Amino acid sequence: MDKTELRDSVTIKDPQIHETAFIAPGAHVVGDV
């Protein structure tokens, strides 16, 4: 499997992160958000 191929069970969503949350530079959102 290439890195650009995703399984049918994978869903890509826009995360809902509160505007006051601290997000480290280069951080990745993983899991259910």
N, C-alpha and C. Protein backbone atom coordinates (compact mmCIF):
# COMPACT_ATOMS: atom_id res chain seq x y z
N MET A 1 0.86 -1.19 0.00
CA MET A 1 0.00 0.00 0.00
C MET A 1 0.89 1.24 0.00
N ASP A 2 0.64 2.12 -0.94
CA ASP A 2 1.37 3.39 -0.97
C ASP A 2 0.84 4.30 0.13
N LYS A 3 1.66 5.26 0.54
CA LYS A 3 1.23 6.19 1.58
C LYS A 3 0.04 7.03 1.12
N THR A 4 -0.13 7.18 -0.19
CA THR A 4 -1.24 8.00 -0.69
C THR A 4 -2.54 7.22 -0.79
N GLU A 5 -2.51 5.90 -0.60
CA GLU A 5 -3.72 5.08 -0.68
C GLU A 5 -4.30 4.89 0.72
N LEU A 6 -5.61 5.10 0.84
CA LEU A 6 -6.29 4.90 2.12
C LEU A 6 -7.32 3.80 1.97
N ARG A 7 -7.53 3.05 3.02
CA ARG A 7 -8.56 2.02 3.02
C ARG A 7 -9.93 2.68 2.97
N ASP A 8 -10.93 1.94 2.48
CA ASP A 8 -12.29 2.46 2.41
C ASP A 8 -12.84 2.83 3.78
N SER A 9 -12.34 2.19 4.85
CA SER A 9 -12.85 2.44 6.20
C SER A 9 -12.27 3.72 6.81
N VAL A 10 -11.31 4.36 6.15
CA VAL A 10 -10.68 5.57 6.68
C VAL A 10 -11.49 6.79 6.23
N THR A 11 -11.87 7.62 7.20
CA THR A 11 -12.62 8.83 6.91
C THR A 11 -11.77 10.04 7.26
N ILE A 12 -11.69 10.98 6.36
CA ILE A 12 -10.94 12.21 6.61
C ILE A 12 -11.93 13.29 6.97
N LYS A 13 -11.74 13.91 8.15
CA LYS A 13 -12.64 14.95 8.64
C LYS A 13 -11.83 16.19 9.00
N ASP A 14 -12.47 17.33 8.98
CA ASP A 14 -11.85 18.55 9.49
C ASP A 14 -12.03 18.56 11.00
N PRO A 15 -10.93 18.60 11.77
CA PRO A 15 -11.06 18.57 13.23
C PRO A 15 -11.68 19.86 13.76
N GLN A 16 -12.49 19.70 14.80
CA GLN A 16 -13.10 20.85 15.47
C GLN A 16 -12.29 21.12 16.74
N ILE A 17 -11.33 22.02 16.64
CA ILE A 17 -10.45 22.33 17.77
C ILE A 17 -10.77 23.74 18.25
N HIS A 18 -10.96 23.87 19.57
CA HIS A 18 -11.31 25.17 20.13
C HIS A 18 -10.22 26.18 19.83
N GLU A 19 -10.62 27.41 19.53
CA GLU A 19 -9.67 28.44 19.11
C GLU A 19 -8.63 28.78 20.18
N THR A 20 -8.90 28.47 21.47
CA THR A 20 -7.93 28.77 22.52
C THR A 20 -6.99 27.60 22.80
N ALA A 21 -7.17 26.49 22.10
CA ALA A 21 -6.31 25.32 22.32
C ALA A 21 -4.91 25.58 21.79
N PHE A 22 -3.90 25.06 22.50
CA PHE A 22 -2.52 25.18 22.05
C PHE A 22 -2.20 23.99 21.15
N ILE A 23 -1.76 24.27 19.94
CA ILE A 23 -1.37 23.22 19.01
C ILE A 23 0.11 23.43 18.69
N ALA A 24 0.93 22.43 19.00
CA ALA A 24 2.36 22.53 18.74
C ALA A 24 2.63 22.58 17.24
N PRO A 25 3.62 23.34 16.82
CA PRO A 25 3.98 23.37 15.40
C PRO A 25 4.31 21.96 14.91
N GLY A 26 3.79 21.57 13.79
CA GLY A 26 4.06 20.25 13.23
C GLY A 26 3.21 19.14 13.82
N ALA A 27 2.24 19.47 14.67
CA ALA A 27 1.40 18.45 15.30
C ALA A 27 0.43 17.85 14.28
N HIS A 28 0.09 16.59 14.47
CA HIS A 28 -0.87 15.89 13.62
C HIS A 28 -2.03 15.42 14.48
N VAL A 29 -3.26 15.54 13.97
CA VAL A 29 -4.44 15.07 14.67
C VAL A 29 -4.67 13.62 14.28
N VAL A 30 -4.74 12.73 15.29
CA VAL A 30 -4.90 11.30 15.05
C VAL A 30 -6.06 10.79 15.88
N GLY A 31 -6.87 9.92 15.33
CA GLY A 31 -7.96 9.30 16.08
C GLY A 31 -9.27 10.04 15.91
N ASP A 32 -10.24 9.71 16.74
CA ASP A 32 -11.57 10.33 16.68
C ASP A 32 -11.52 11.71 17.30
N VAL A 33 -11.85 12.70 16.53
CA VAL A 33 -11.86 14.08 17.03
C VAL A 33 -13.18 14.74 16.71
